[in-house]
Amino acid sequence: MITSVDTDFTLDAAASPELAQALRAQAVRSLAAIRTRLALRGSRSLV
């Protein structure tokens, strides 16, 4: 069971700040979608 997830991660120093921001934004959108689906099913396993 998933009990927690965060969007903190580290990229290679050569990665552009734009890439890091884009990946963070995508992770946040993905987590929001997962939370919404779980909420619709009444699950509290990911808060």
N, C-alpha and C. Protein backbone atom coordinates (compact mmCIF):
# COMPACT_ATOMS: atom_id res chain seq x y z
N MET A 1 0.85 -1.18 0.00
CA MET A 1 0.00 0.00 0.00
C MET A 1 0.89 1.24 0.00
N ILE A 2 0.55 2.21 -0.82
CA ILE A 2 1.29 3.48 -0.84
C ILE A 2 0.79 4.34 0.31
N THR A 3 1.71 4.80 1.13
CA THR A 3 1.31 5.65 2.25
C THR A 3 1.78 7.09 2.10
N SER A 4 2.81 7.31 1.29
CA SER A 4 3.23 8.69 1.04
C SER A 4 4.08 8.76 -0.21
N VAL A 5 4.03 9.90 -0.84
CA VAL A 5 4.80 10.16 -2.05
C VAL A 5 5.16 11.63 -2.04
N ASP A 6 6.34 11.95 -2.51
CA ASP A 6 6.65 13.36 -2.68
C ASP A 6 7.28 13.58 -4.05
N THR A 7 7.44 14.83 -4.42
CA THR A 7 7.95 15.14 -5.75
C THR A 7 9.37 15.67 -5.69
N ASP A 8 10.06 15.42 -4.61
CA ASP A 8 11.44 15.87 -4.48
C ASP A 8 12.36 14.84 -5.12
N PHE A 9 13.23 15.29 -5.99
CA PHE A 9 14.17 14.40 -6.63
C PHE A 9 15.38 15.20 -7.05
N THR A 10 16.45 14.51 -7.41
CA THR A 10 17.69 15.16 -7.81
C THR A 10 18.04 14.73 -9.23
N LEU A 11 18.43 15.71 -10.04
CA LEU A 11 18.86 15.43 -11.40
C LEU A 11 20.35 15.65 -11.50
N ASP A 12 20.93 15.11 -12.54
CA ASP A 12 22.33 15.35 -12.84
C ASP A 12 22.58 16.85 -12.93
N ALA A 13 23.75 17.30 -12.51
CA ALA A 13 24.08 18.72 -12.52
C ALA A 13 23.99 19.33 -13.92
N ALA A 14 24.14 18.51 -14.95
CA ALA A 14 24.07 19.01 -16.33
C ALA A 14 22.64 19.25 -16.80
N ALA A 15 21.66 18.76 -16.07
CA ALA A 15 20.26 18.94 -16.47
C ALA A 15 19.86 20.41 -16.33
N SER A 16 19.09 20.87 -17.27
CA SER A 16 18.68 22.27 -17.25
C SER A 16 17.63 22.52 -16.17
N PRO A 17 17.59 23.73 -15.63
CA PRO A 17 16.55 24.07 -14.65
C PRO A 17 15.15 23.93 -15.26
N GLU A 18 15.04 24.19 -16.56
CA GLU A 18 13.74 24.05 -17.22
C GLU A 18 13.27 22.60 -17.21
N LEU A 19 14.20 21.67 -17.44
CA LEU A 19 13.85 20.26 -17.40
C LEU A 19 13.41 19.86 -15.99
N ALA A 20 14.15 20.29 -14.99
CA ALA A 20 13.79 19.97 -13.61
C ALA A 20 12.40 20.50 -13.28
N GLN A 21 12.11 21.73 -13.69
CA GLN A 21 10.80 22.31 -13.41
C GLN A 21 9.70 21.56 -14.15
N ALA A 22 9.95 21.19 -15.39
CA ALA A 22 8.95 20.45 -16.16
C ALA A 22 8.67 19.09 -15.53
N LEU A 23 9.70 18.40 -15.08
CA LEU A 23 9.51 17.10 -14.44
C LEU A 23 8.75 17.23 -13.12
N ARG A 24 9.08 18.26 -12.34
CA ARG A 24 8.36 18.50 -11.09
C ARG A 24 6.88 18.79 -11.36
N ALA A 25 6.62 19.63 -12.35
CA ALA A 25 5.23 19.96 -12.68
C ALA A 25 4.46 18.71 -13.11
N GLN A 26 5.09 17.87 -13.91
CA GLN A 26 4.43 16.63 -14.35
C GLN A 26 4.17 15.70 -13.17
N ALA A 27 5.13 15.61 -12.26
CA ALA A 27 4.95 14.76 -11.08
C ALA A 27 3.78 15.26 -10.23
N VAL A 28 3.68 16.57 -10.06
CA VAL A 28 2.58 17.14 -9.27
C VAL A 28 1.25 16.84 -9.95
N ARG A 29 1.17 17.01 -11.26
CA ARG A 29 -0.08 16.71 -11.99
C ARG A 29 -0.44 15.24 -11.86
N SER A 30 0.54 14.37 -11.97
CA SER A 30 0.28 12.93 -11.87
C SER A 30 -0.22 12.56 -10.48
N LEU A 31 0.41 13.10 -9.46
CA LEU A 31 -0.02 12.81 -8.09
C LEU A 31 -1.42 13.35 -7.83
N ALA A 32 -1.72 14.53 -8.36
CA ALA A 32 -3.06 15.09 -8.18
C ALA A 32 -4.11 14.19 -8.83
N ALA A 33 -3.80 13.67 -10.01
CA ALA A 33 -4.74 12.78 -10.69
C ALA A 33 -4.94 11.48 -9.90
N ILE A 34 -3.87 10.95 -9.36
CA ILE A 34 -3.96 9.72 -8.56
C ILE A 34 -4.81 9.98 -7.32
N ARG A 35 -4.55 11.08 -6.64
CA ARG A 35 -5.33 11.40 -5.44
C ARG A 35 -6.81 11.54 -5.77
N THR A 36 -7.11 12.18 -6.90
CA THR A 36 -8.51 12.35 -7.30
C THR A 36 -9.16 11.00 -7.55
N ARG A 37 -8.48 10.12 -8.26
CA ARG A 37 -9.05 8.79 -8.52
C ARG A 37 -9.27 8.02 -7.23
N LEU A 38 -8.31 8.10 -6.32
CA LEU A 38 -8.47 7.38 -5.05
C LEU A 38 -9.60 7.97 -4.23
N ALA A 39 -9.74 9.28 -4.25
CA ALA A 39 -10.81 9.93 -3.49
C ALA A 39 -12.18 9.50 -4.04
N LEU A 40 -12.28 9.38 -5.35
CA LEU A 40 -13.54 8.96 -5.95
C LEU A 40 -13.90 7.53 -5.54
N ARG A 41 -12.89 6.73 -5.24
CA ARG A 41 -13.13 5.35 -4.80
C ARG A 41 -13.25 5.25 -3.29
N GLY A 42 -13.04 6.36 -2.58
CA GLY A 42 -13.15 6.35 -1.14
C GLY A 42 -11.92 5.82 -0.44
N SER A 43 -10.80 5.73 -1.14
CA SER A 43 -9.58 5.21 -0.54
C SER A 43 -8.83 6.31 0.20
N ARG A 44 -8.20 5.96 1.30
CA ARG A 44 -7.38 6.91 2.03
C ARG A 44 -5.92 6.45 2.08
N SER A 45 -5.51 5.63 1.13
CA SER A 45 -4.16 5.08 1.18
C SER A 45 -3.10 6.05 0.68
N LEU A 46 -3.50 7.11 0.00
CA LEU A 46 -2.55 8.13 -0.46
C LEU A 46 -3.11 9.48 -0.07
N VAL A 47 -2.48 10.13 0.86
CA VAL A 47 -3.00 11.41 1.36
C VAL A 47 -2.06 12.52 1.02
